[in-house]
Protein backbone atom coordinates (compact mmCIF):
# COMPACT_ATOMS: atom_id res chain seq x y z
CA MET A 1 76.48 91.90 108.31
CA LEU A 2 78.49 91.28 105.14
CA VAL A 3 76.23 93.67 103.21
CA LEU A 4 77.03 96.47 105.63
CA ARG A 5 80.75 95.79 105.53
CA SER A 6 80.81 95.47 101.77
CA SER A 7 78.94 98.72 101.22
CA SER A 8 81.19 100.51 103.70
CA ILE A 9 84.34 99.28 101.98
CA ALA A 10 82.95 100.15 98.56
CA ALA A 11 82.25 103.65 99.86
CA LEU A 12 85.83 103.80 101.14
CA GLY A 13 87.07 102.88 97.68
CA ALA A 14 84.99 105.67 96.15
CA GLY A 15 86.37 108.07 98.76
CA LEU A 16 89.93 107.10 97.91
CA ALA A 17 89.22 107.67 94.24
CA PHE A 18 87.78 111.13 94.96
CA THR A 19 90.74 112.00 97.16
CA ALA A 20 93.17 111.00 94.42
CA SER A 21 91.33 113.16 91.92
CA SER A 22 91.55 116.11 94.30
CA VAL A 23 95.13 115.66 95.50
CA GLY A 24 96.67 114.84 92.14
CA ALA A 25 95.16 117.64 90.10
CA GLN A 26 95.98 116.66 86.53
CA SER A 27 97.90 119.24 84.50
CA ILE A 28 96.64 117.36 81.43
CA GLU A 29 92.88 116.79 81.33
CA ARG A 30 91.72 113.21 81.56
CA ASP A 31 89.38 111.79 78.94
CA ARG A 32 86.31 111.54 81.16
CA GLY A 33 84.61 108.91 79.05
CA ALA A 34 87.67 106.63 79.00
CA HIS A 35 88.29 107.25 82.70
CA ALA A 36 84.75 106.21 83.65
CA GLN A 37 84.99 103.20 81.31
CA PHE A 38 88.11 101.83 82.97
CA LEU A 39 86.86 102.54 86.49
CA ALA A 40 83.85 100.39 85.63
CA LEU A 41 86.00 97.78 83.89
CA ASN A 42 87.97 97.04 87.07
CA VAL A 43 84.73 96.53 88.98
CA ALA A 44 83.57 94.22 86.19
CA ILE A 45 86.85 92.26 86.32
CA GLY A 46 86.37 91.77 90.06
CA ALA A 47 82.76 90.66 89.63
CA THR A 48 83.52 88.31 86.71
CA ALA A 49 86.51 86.69 88.41
CA SER A 50 84.56 86.13 91.64
CA VAL A 51 81.59 84.58 89.82
CA ALA A 52 83.95 82.25 87.92
CA ARG A 53 85.50 81.17 91.22
CA ALA A 54 82.08 80.59 92.77
CA MET A 55 80.99 78.44 89.84
CA ALA A 56 84.20 76.39 90.03
CA SER A 57 84.13 75.89 93.81
CA GLY A 58 80.38 75.77 94.49
CA ALA A 59 80.57 78.74 96.87
CA PRO A 60 77.40 80.84 97.42
CA LEU A 61 77.13 83.04 94.35
CA ARG A 62 75.56 86.10 96.02
CA GLN A 63 78.13 86.41 98.80
CA THR A 64 81.00 85.76 96.41
CA LEU A 65 79.74 88.37 93.95
CA LYS A 66 79.54 90.99 96.71
CA LYS A 67 83.17 90.40 97.60
CA GLY A 68 84.11 90.59 93.91
CA LEU A 69 82.39 93.94 93.55
CA VAL A 70 84.19 95.27 96.64
CA GLY A 71 87.53 93.99 95.35
CA GLY A 72 86.94 95.48 91.91
CA SER A 73 86.05 98.84 93.47
CA LEU A 74 89.29 98.79 95.47
CA MET A 75 91.29 97.98 92.33
CA SER A 76 89.74 101.01 90.64
CA ALA A 77 90.49 103.20 93.66
CA GLY A 78 94.09 101.98 93.71
CA MET A 79 94.63 102.83 90.06
CA GLU A 80 93.07 106.23 90.67
CA LEU A 81 95.67 106.86 93.38
CA VAL A 82 98.54 105.65 91.19
CA GLY A 83 97.47 108.03 88.43
CA ALA A 84 97.37 111.05 90.77
CA GLN A 85 100.96 112.00 89.82
CA SER A 86 101.84 112.24 93.49
CA SER A 87 104.81 110.23 94.72
CA ALA A 88 103.08 109.86 98.09
CA ALA A 89 99.96 108.42 96.47
CA ARG A 90 101.76 106.13 94.02
CA PHE A 91 102.89 103.57 96.60
CA ALA A 92 99.54 103.63 98.41
CA GLY A 93 97.71 103.14 95.12
CA LEU A 94 99.71 100.05 94.23
CA GLN A 95 98.94 98.50 97.61
CA VAL A 96 95.21 99.36 97.42
CA THR A 97 95.11 97.73 93.98
CA ALA A 98 96.75 94.63 95.49
CA VAL A 99 94.29 94.54 98.40
CA GLY A 100 91.41 94.71 95.92
CA ALA A 101 92.82 91.87 93.82
CA SER A 102 93.37 89.84 97.02
CA VAL A 103 89.72 90.34 98.01
CA VAL A 104 88.60 89.07 94.60
CA ARG A 105 90.95 86.08 94.85
CA ASN A 106 89.55 85.22 98.29
CA ALA A 107 85.91 85.72 97.26
CA ASP A 108 84.98 82.03 97.23
CA SER A 109 86.95 80.98 100.32
CA GLY A 110 84.18 81.54 102.87
CA ALA A 111 86.65 83.40 105.09
CA HIS A 112 86.84 87.12 105.81
CA MET A 113 87.69 89.08 102.68
CA PHE A 114 90.96 90.33 104.22
CA SER A 115 91.99 86.95 105.64
CA ASP A 116 94.72 86.46 103.00
CA VAL A 117 96.24 89.59 101.45
CA THR A 118 99.30 89.80 99.21
CA LEU A 119 101.16 93.10 98.91
CA PRO A 120 103.84 93.71 96.24
CA LEU A 121 107.24 95.08 97.18
CA TYR A 122 108.93 94.06 93.97
CA PRO A 123 110.76 91.82 93.49
CA PHE A 124 108.90 90.31 96.48
CA TYR A 125 105.31 89.43 97.30
CA VAL A 126 104.51 89.88 101.00
CA ARG A 127 101.64 87.70 102.19
CA LEU A 128 99.59 88.69 105.25
CA ARG A 129 97.42 86.04 106.91
CA PRO A 130 96.32 87.37 110.33
CA GLY A 131 95.77 84.66 112.92
CA SER A 132 97.65 81.93 111.04
CA ASP A 133 100.80 80.16 112.19
CA ALA A 134 102.82 82.33 109.77
CA PRO A 135 101.00 85.69 109.65
CA VAL A 136 103.66 87.39 107.51
CA THR A 137 105.67 85.65 104.79
CA ALA A 138 107.51 86.81 101.67
CA ARG A 139 108.23 85.16 98.34
CA VAL A 140 110.37 86.32 95.46
CA SER A 141 108.92 87.01 92.02
CA ALA A 142 110.74 84.92 89.43
CA GLY A 143 109.60 87.29 86.68
CA SER A 144 110.96 90.37 88.45
CA VAL A 145 114.28 88.71 89.28
CA PHE A 146 114.69 87.61 85.66
CA ARG A 147 113.90 91.13 84.42
CA LEU A 148 116.33 92.73 86.89
CA ALA A 149 119.08 90.34 85.84
CA THR A 150 118.42 91.13 82.17
CA VAL A 151 118.50 94.90 82.73
CA MET A 152 121.62 94.83 84.90
CA THR A 153 123.62 92.72 82.43
CA GLN A 154 122.95 94.95 79.43
CA GLY A 155 125.83 96.84 77.87
CA ARG A 156 124.68 100.25 79.12
CA ARG A 157 123.68 99.42 82.68
CA PRO A 158 121.07 101.70 84.30
CA SER A 159 121.44 103.09 87.81
CA MET A 160 118.91 102.69 90.62
CA ASP A 161 116.75 105.71 91.41
CA TRP A 162 116.22 104.92 95.09
CA ARG A 163 113.86 107.80 95.78
CA ALA A 164 111.51 106.78 92.97
CA THR A 165 111.90 103.11 93.94
CA LEU A 166 110.75 103.75 97.51
CA ALA A 167 107.86 105.92 96.29
CA THR A 168 106.73 103.29 93.79
CA GLY A 169 107.15 99.95 95.56
CA ALA A 170 109.22 98.50 92.73
CA PRO A 171 112.70 99.01 91.24
CA VAL A 172 112.86 102.25 89.24
CA MET A 173 116.08 102.71 87.25
CA ARG A 174 117.59 105.50 85.14
CA SER A 175 119.13 104.43 81.86
CA PRO A 176 122.08 106.30 80.33
CA ARG A 177 120.31 105.99 76.96
CA TRP A 178 118.56 109.08 75.56
CA ARG A 179 115.73 106.81 74.39
CA LEU A 180 114.93 103.19 75.19
CA PRO A 181 114.71 100.70 72.30
CA SER A 182 111.10 99.68 71.82
CA ALA A 183 109.41 97.23 69.43
CA SER A 184 106.18 99.21 69.83
CA CYS A 185 107.88 102.41 68.66
CA PRO A 186 109.52 101.56 65.29
CA TRP A 187 111.44 103.97 63.04
CA PRO A 188 111.21 106.94 62.65
CA CYS A 189 110.33 106.94 66.36
CA GLU A 190 113.52 107.36 68.39
CA GLY A 191 112.36 105.00 71.14
CA SER A 192 110.35 105.18 74.35
CA PHE A 193 110.78 107.53 77.30
CA ALA A 194 110.26 104.76 79.86
CA GLN A 195 109.26 101.10 80.07
CA HIS A 196 107.72 98.75 82.58
CA ASN A 197 108.28 95.02 82.45
CA ALA A 198 107.65 92.39 85.14
CA GLY A 199 107.67 94.77 88.09
CA VAL A 200 110.69 96.84 86.96
CA ILE A 201 110.53 100.41 85.57
CA VAL A 202 113.37 101.92 83.51
CA TYR A 203 113.31 105.53 82.30
CA SER A 204 115.60 107.26 79.82
CA SER A 205 118.20 109.94 80.51
CA SER A 206 116.21 112.62 78.66
CA ALA A 207 113.87 113.01 81.66
CA GLY A 208 113.14 116.66 82.33
CA THR A 209 114.15 117.74 78.84
CA ASP A 210 112.02 115.77 76.38
CA TYR A 211 109.32 114.62 78.80
CA ASP A 212 107.90 115.18 82.27
CA LEU A 213 109.26 112.47 84.58
CA SER A 214 106.44 112.62 87.15
CA ARG A 215 103.76 112.08 84.51
CA THR A 216 105.76 109.31 82.88
CA LEU A 217 106.38 107.49 86.19
CA ALA A 218 102.66 107.71 86.96
CA HIS A 219 101.93 106.16 83.55
CA GLU A 220 104.46 103.35 83.99
CA SER A 221 103.23 102.75 87.56
CA LEU A 222 99.78 102.14 86.07
CA HIS A 223 101.37 99.31 84.08
CA LEU A 224 102.87 98.10 87.36
CA ALA A 225 99.38 98.07 88.91
CA GLN A 226 98.09 96.13 85.90
CA GLN A 227 100.88 93.61 86.40
CA THR A 228 99.95 93.31 90.09
CA ARG A 229 96.26 92.82 89.31
CA ASP A 230 97.04 89.98 86.91
CA ALA A 231 99.66 88.44 89.22
CA LEU A 232 97.35 88.25 92.24
CA LEU A 233 94.28 87.11 90.32
CA ASP A 234 96.01 84.57 88.10
CA ALA A 235 99.81 84.17 88.20
CA ILE A 236 100.24 83.44 91.92
CA PRO A 237 97.40 80.85 92.07
CA ALA A 238 98.73 79.26 88.86
CA SER A 239 102.27 79.14 90.28
CA ASP A 240 101.10 77.56 93.54
CA ALA A 241 99.01 74.96 91.71
CA GLY A 242 101.75 74.15 89.21
CA LEU A 243 104.48 73.76 91.82
CA ALA A 244 102.19 71.63 94.01
CA ARG A 245 101.77 69.18 91.13
CA ILE A 246 105.51 68.56 91.10
CA GLY A 247 105.32 67.05 94.58
CA PRO A 248 107.09 67.79 97.88
CA VAL A 249 109.98 69.60 96.17
CA GLY A 250 107.59 71.89 94.32
CA ARG A 251 105.54 72.60 97.43
CA SER A 252 108.70 73.47 99.32
CA LEU A 253 109.84 75.73 96.49
CA SER A 254 106.49 77.53 96.45
CA ARG A 255 107.18 78.76 99.99
CA PHE A 256 109.95 80.96 98.63
CA VAL A 257 109.29 81.58 94.92
CA VAL A 258 106.38 82.64 92.72
CA VAL A 259 106.79 81.59 89.09
CA ASP A 260 104.66 84.48 87.86
CA PHE A 261 104.72 84.06 84.10
CA VAL A 262 101.06 83.09 83.55
CA MET A 263 99.35 86.43 82.88
CA PRO A 264 95.96 85.86 81.18
CA LEU A 265 94.89 89.51 81.27
CA ARG A 266 98.11 90.51 79.51
CA LEU A 267 97.40 87.88 76.85
CA VAL A 268 93.90 89.33 76.42
CA ASP A 269 95.47 92.79 76.06
CA GLU A 270 97.82 91.64 73.31
CA GLY A 271 95.23 89.43 71.61
CA GLU A 272 92.62 92.17 71.55
CA ALA A 273 95.05 94.60 69.91
CA TRP A 274 96.08 91.95 67.37
CA VAL A 275 92.46 91.19 66.42
CA ARG A 276 91.74 94.89 65.88
CA GLY A 277 95.02 95.40 64.03
CA ALA A 278 95.78 98.22 66.45
CA PRO A 279 99.27 99.53 67.21
CA ARG A 280 100.68 98.72 70.64
CA ARG A 281 100.01 102.22 71.96
CA ASP A 282 96.26 101.70 71.34
CA SER A 283 95.99 98.39 73.20
CA TRP A 284 93.73 97.92 76.23
CA TYR A 285 96.60 98.30 78.73
CA GLU A 286 97.91 101.48 77.10
CA ARG A 287 94.46 103.05 76.88
CA GLU A 288 93.77 102.15 80.51
CA ALA A 289 97.09 103.68 81.61
CA ARG A 290 96.34 106.89 79.69
CA ALA A 291 92.82 107.04 81.15
CA PHE A 292 94.19 107.19 84.70
CA ALA A 293 97.55 108.91 84.04
CA PRO A 294 97.39 110.94 80.82
CA GLY A 295 100.38 112.64 79.25
CA GLY A 296 103.04 110.09 80.17
CA GLU A 297 104.27 110.16 76.58
CA ARG A 298 104.38 113.96 76.37
CA ARG A 299 106.73 116.69 77.50
């Protein structure tokens, strides 16, 4: 029965990916080789993470791997939707990515693959557990709150773009700066058009003159999806385990807060670029974002 369900859901993921490709016709051509590579990479991440969980917990490897493949396929489909440059698809894509990561995280539990799903509405994580005593709960992301506080206390405070925020599922803010200071864009580069950090997107005031805002928001939303993938696979479980070790106070705190600073995939991204001696714009995360949403750095 699981085989049938898994194949059906995988087919659904492929259908979502095809729909995104059709709806969000790209004005800038995607690199087909890179696009296929990163579609496959997300499936591989799901499979690898599920196998690692099965080996650690002793869960049946075959069943766990099937769930990992389904989850990885959904993560790919979600990123495909995010990259469609459609504001309607951007929010849906983020949530599909989160559902896929949740399926991978649950792969070794022995329960239904959708028995415990976390959806991001930054700065919150909404947890859905149908049939439990608390079917819907929400926790705040410590990383997102810290980032929001940092942005809002800067000298030139950005303003909230509520329309883009609702379409994205995370705070999107417009800075009064013509360019945003960026360590990855040193002189003579004037700075970046937009930035994502910890579930918060900020774009510069030159939107619509020096760059296309819709393409750039799609690109930064891909980084948001990457953040969500890493948070659900790694940061949330690490936060829950770490707070539980503190004792009753930590367990009580974990009901309301996720200390989401442990991001192994982000460390791999930065380490891989450092080993190759590559500039930041050629790191894994940047290449993946361009594969799904090309042209975010162009007018």
